Protein backbone atom coordinates (compact mmCIF):
# COMPACT_ATOMS: atom_id res chain seq x y z
CA MET A 1 -80.99 -7.47 -28.65
CA LEU A 2 -77.49 -9.18 -28.51
CA LEU A 3 -76.27 -6.93 -31.34
CA ARG A 4 -77.56 -3.77 -29.45
CA ASN A 5 -75.64 -5.05 -26.29
CA LEU A 6 -72.44 -5.66 -28.21
CA ILE A 7 -72.60 -2.23 -29.82
CA GLY A 8 -73.06 -0.62 -26.36
CA ALA A 9 -70.16 -2.53 -24.98
CA ALA A 10 -67.94 -1.55 -27.86
CA ILE A 11 -68.93 2.08 -27.61
CA ILE A 12 -68.41 2.06 -23.83
CA ALA A 13 -64.94 0.61 -24.43
CA VAL A 14 -64.07 3.49 -26.74
CA VAL A 15 -65.49 6.01 -24.47
CA VAL A 16 -63.47 4.77 -21.54
CA SER A 17 -60.20 4.75 -23.60
CA TYR A 18 -60.66 8.12 -25.34
CA GLY A 19 -63.22 10.13 -23.45
CA TYR A 20 -66.85 10.99 -24.32
CA ARG A 21 -65.98 14.23 -26.34
CA HIS A 22 -63.75 12.35 -28.86
CA VAL A 23 -66.29 9.51 -29.37
CA ARG A 24 -69.00 12.01 -29.77
CA GLN A 25 -66.95 13.80 -32.42
CA ALA A 26 -66.51 10.55 -34.38
CA PHE A 27 -70.31 9.91 -34.51
CA VAL A 28 -71.72 13.56 -34.51
CA GLY A 29 -73.89 14.36 -37.46
CA ARG A 30 -73.99 10.77 -38.68
CA GLN A 31 -77.36 9.04 -38.87
CA MET A 32 -76.32 5.42 -38.58
CA ASP A 33 -78.28 2.31 -37.80
CA PHE A 34 -76.94 -0.04 -35.14
CA ARG A 35 -75.18 -2.23 -37.63
CA SER A 36 -73.05 0.55 -39.25
CA LYS A 37 -72.23 1.89 -35.63
CA PHE A 38 -71.12 -1.46 -34.67
CA GLU A 39 -68.98 -1.96 -37.85
CA SER A 40 -67.43 1.48 -37.38
CA VAL A 41 -66.55 0.94 -33.78
CA SER A 42 -65.43 -2.79 -34.33
CA GLU A 43 -63.16 -1.67 -37.30
CA ALA A 44 -61.58 0.87 -34.92
CA LEU A 45 -60.93 -1.84 -32.27
CA LYS A 46 -59.39 -4.28 -34.69
CA ASP A 47 -55.97 -2.56 -34.03
CA THR A 48 -54.22 -4.88 -31.54
CA GLY A 49 -51.40 -2.50 -30.81
CA GLY A 50 -53.18 -0.81 -27.95
CA PRO A 51 -55.12 2.45 -28.19
CA ILE A 52 -57.01 3.15 -31.36
CA LYS A 53 -54.67 4.53 -33.93
CA MET A 54 -57.21 6.19 -36.17
CA PRO A 55 -57.67 9.96 -35.90
CA LEU A 56 -61.01 10.84 -34.44
CA ILE A 57 -61.20 14.26 -36.20
CA SER A 58 -60.81 15.08 -39.82
CA ASP A 59 -57.53 16.44 -41.36
CA ALA A 60 -58.93 19.87 -41.83
CA SER A 61 -60.21 20.00 -38.21
CA ALA A 62 -56.89 18.80 -36.95
CA GLN A 63 -54.97 21.50 -38.92
CA ARG A 64 -57.15 24.26 -37.66
CA ARG A 65 -56.75 23.02 -34.00
CA LEU A 66 -53.03 22.56 -34.42
CA ALA A 67 -52.65 26.06 -35.86
CA GLN A 68 -54.19 27.53 -32.83
CA ILE A 69 -52.07 25.31 -30.50
CA LYS A 70 -48.85 26.32 -32.34
CA VAL A 71 -49.62 29.93 -31.67
CA LYS A 72 -49.98 29.21 -27.90
CA LEU A 73 -46.86 27.09 -27.87
CA ASP A 74 -44.95 30.16 -29.08
CA SER A 75 -46.24 32.30 -26.24
CA PRO A 76 -43.85 33.71 -23.78
CA ALA A 77 -46.28 32.89 -20.90
CA VAL A 78 -45.43 29.50 -19.45
CA GLU A 79 -48.94 28.63 -18.31
CA ILE A 80 -50.27 29.26 -22.03
CA ARG A 81 -47.53 26.93 -23.35
CA ARG A 82 -48.38 24.37 -20.70
CA LYS A 83 -52.05 24.35 -21.57
CA ALA A 84 -51.23 24.25 -25.37
CA ALA A 85 -48.98 21.17 -24.83
CA GLN A 86 -51.84 19.43 -22.98
CA GLU A 87 -54.15 20.35 -25.87
CA LEU A 88 -51.80 18.47 -28.13
CA GLN A 89 -52.82 15.15 -26.49
CA SER A 90 -56.41 15.72 -27.35
CA VAL A 91 -55.91 16.25 -31.07
CA ARG A 92 -54.96 12.44 -31.70
CA HIS A 93 -53.87 12.99 -35.24
CA PRO A 94 -50.69 12.26 -37.09
CA ALA A 95 -50.15 16.03 -37.67
CA THR A 96 -49.62 16.37 -33.91
CA VAL A 97 -46.17 14.89 -34.25
CA LYS A 98 -44.24 18.00 -35.63
CA PRO A 99 -45.46 20.52 -33.05
CA ALA A 100 -45.14 18.03 -30.22
CA ILE A 101 -41.49 17.23 -31.23
CA GLU A 102 -40.89 21.17 -31.24
CA ALA A 103 -42.44 21.31 -27.72
CA LEU A 104 -39.93 18.77 -26.49
CA LYS A 105 -37.34 21.60 -26.74
CA ASP A 106 -39.34 23.93 -24.47
CA GLY A 107 -37.59 25.36 -21.42
CA ASP A 108 -40.46 24.30 -19.12
CA ALA A 109 -40.49 20.56 -17.93
CA GLN A 110 -44.37 20.38 -17.86
CA VAL A 111 -44.50 21.40 -21.43
CA ARG A 112 -41.89 18.82 -22.52
CA ALA A 113 -43.58 16.10 -20.53
CA ALA A 114 -47.04 16.88 -22.07
CA ALA A 115 -45.52 16.91 -25.50
CA ALA A 116 -44.02 13.40 -24.81
CA ARG A 117 -47.38 12.09 -23.71
CA ALA A 118 -48.92 13.59 -26.94
CA LEU A 119 -46.33 11.77 -28.97
CA GLY A 120 -47.15 8.51 -27.16
CA ILE A 121 -50.85 8.90 -27.84
CA VAL A 122 -50.18 9.36 -31.63
CA GLY A 123 -47.58 6.57 -31.60
CA ASP A 124 -45.78 7.60 -34.67
CA ALA A 125 -42.22 6.33 -35.20
CA ALA A 126 -41.18 9.66 -36.46
CA ALA A 127 -41.09 10.72 -32.82
CA LEU A 128 -38.47 8.00 -31.94
CA ASP A 129 -35.28 10.06 -32.15
CA PRO A 130 -36.60 13.12 -30.25
CA LEU A 131 -38.11 10.92 -27.55
CA LEU A 132 -34.76 8.97 -27.20
CA GLN A 133 -33.02 12.30 -26.68
CA THR A 134 -35.43 13.35 -23.87
CA LEU A 135 -34.60 10.15 -21.91
CA ASN A 136 -31.63 12.18 -20.69
CA ASP A 137 -33.72 15.11 -19.55
CA HIS A 138 -32.87 16.49 -16.17
CA GLU A 139 -36.53 16.34 -15.09
CA SER A 140 -37.88 13.00 -14.06
CA ASP A 141 -41.44 13.71 -15.36
CA VAL A 142 -40.03 14.28 -18.86
CA ARG A 143 -37.90 11.10 -18.73
CA GLN A 144 -40.99 9.15 -17.34
CA GLN A 145 -43.38 10.32 -20.10
CA SER A 146 -40.80 9.72 -22.84
CA ALA A 147 -40.26 6.18 -21.59
CA ILE A 148 -44.03 5.61 -21.61
CA ALA A 149 -44.29 7.03 -25.09
CA LEU A 150 -41.44 4.93 -26.47
CA GLY A 151 -43.19 1.89 -24.91
CA LYS A 152 -46.28 2.78 -26.90
CA ILE A 153 -44.34 3.23 -30.10
CA LYS A 154 -42.70 -0.27 -29.61
CA ALA A 155 -39.64 0.48 -31.64
CA PRO A 156 -36.84 -2.02 -31.40
CA GLN A 157 -34.33 0.88 -31.32
CA ALA A 158 -35.81 1.99 -27.90
CA ILE A 159 -35.07 -1.27 -26.04
CA GLU A 160 -31.50 -0.59 -25.06
CA PRO A 161 -32.05 3.06 -24.06
CA LEU A 162 -35.08 1.90 -21.94
CA ALA A 163 -33.13 -0.88 -20.37
CA ALA A 164 -30.58 1.74 -19.28
CA LEU A 165 -33.32 3.78 -17.77
CA LEU A 166 -34.11 0.89 -15.33
CA LYS A 167 -31.30 2.16 -13.31
CA ASP A 168 -32.72 5.71 -12.95
CA PRO A 169 -32.72 7.07 -9.42
CA ASN A 170 -36.36 8.02 -9.70
CA ALA A 171 -38.46 4.89 -9.15
CA ARG A 172 -41.34 6.09 -11.28
CA VAL A 173 -39.06 6.58 -14.25
CA ALA A 174 -37.49 3.09 -13.83
CA ASN A 175 -40.98 1.60 -13.51
CA SER A 176 -42.16 3.31 -16.70
CA ALA A 177 -39.09 2.03 -18.57
CA ALA A 178 -39.83 -1.41 -17.42
CA HIS A 179 -43.36 -1.33 -18.90
């Protein structure tokens, strides 16, 4: 009974952090006993660096989704690009980095902000330089999301630029840089 409660608590923690759909994808089609479910979830929770860093979808599935998203990111319609940039956040796979970095160059601030969020979710250090560049964006939402993403990546190179952002005229940006 205790093991069952621990498994339930661990699964609830993952659901709260990542949403039901992603957790369901991780376990769908797998007939596991409670012990193997617990081991799978507890292994994922061992990462002490914040959110789970493991991809919750396969490489092939991520590549398929990203191919569809890339087409939308190239759309001339801003609403389609915005939705595509938001979809990048749900992929949670290292392959997200390249299209998200490209989306940081979009002319629309909402697309750039969503791309910065996606890079923070993945937490890959390859996004460090592009995110550092967006700390100077003229839109406060982009600066804020870039600061949050850099905080999640926890690269020492980001400390000084984030410290400079503490003087940002937008209080949300300064607060995000502080955390």
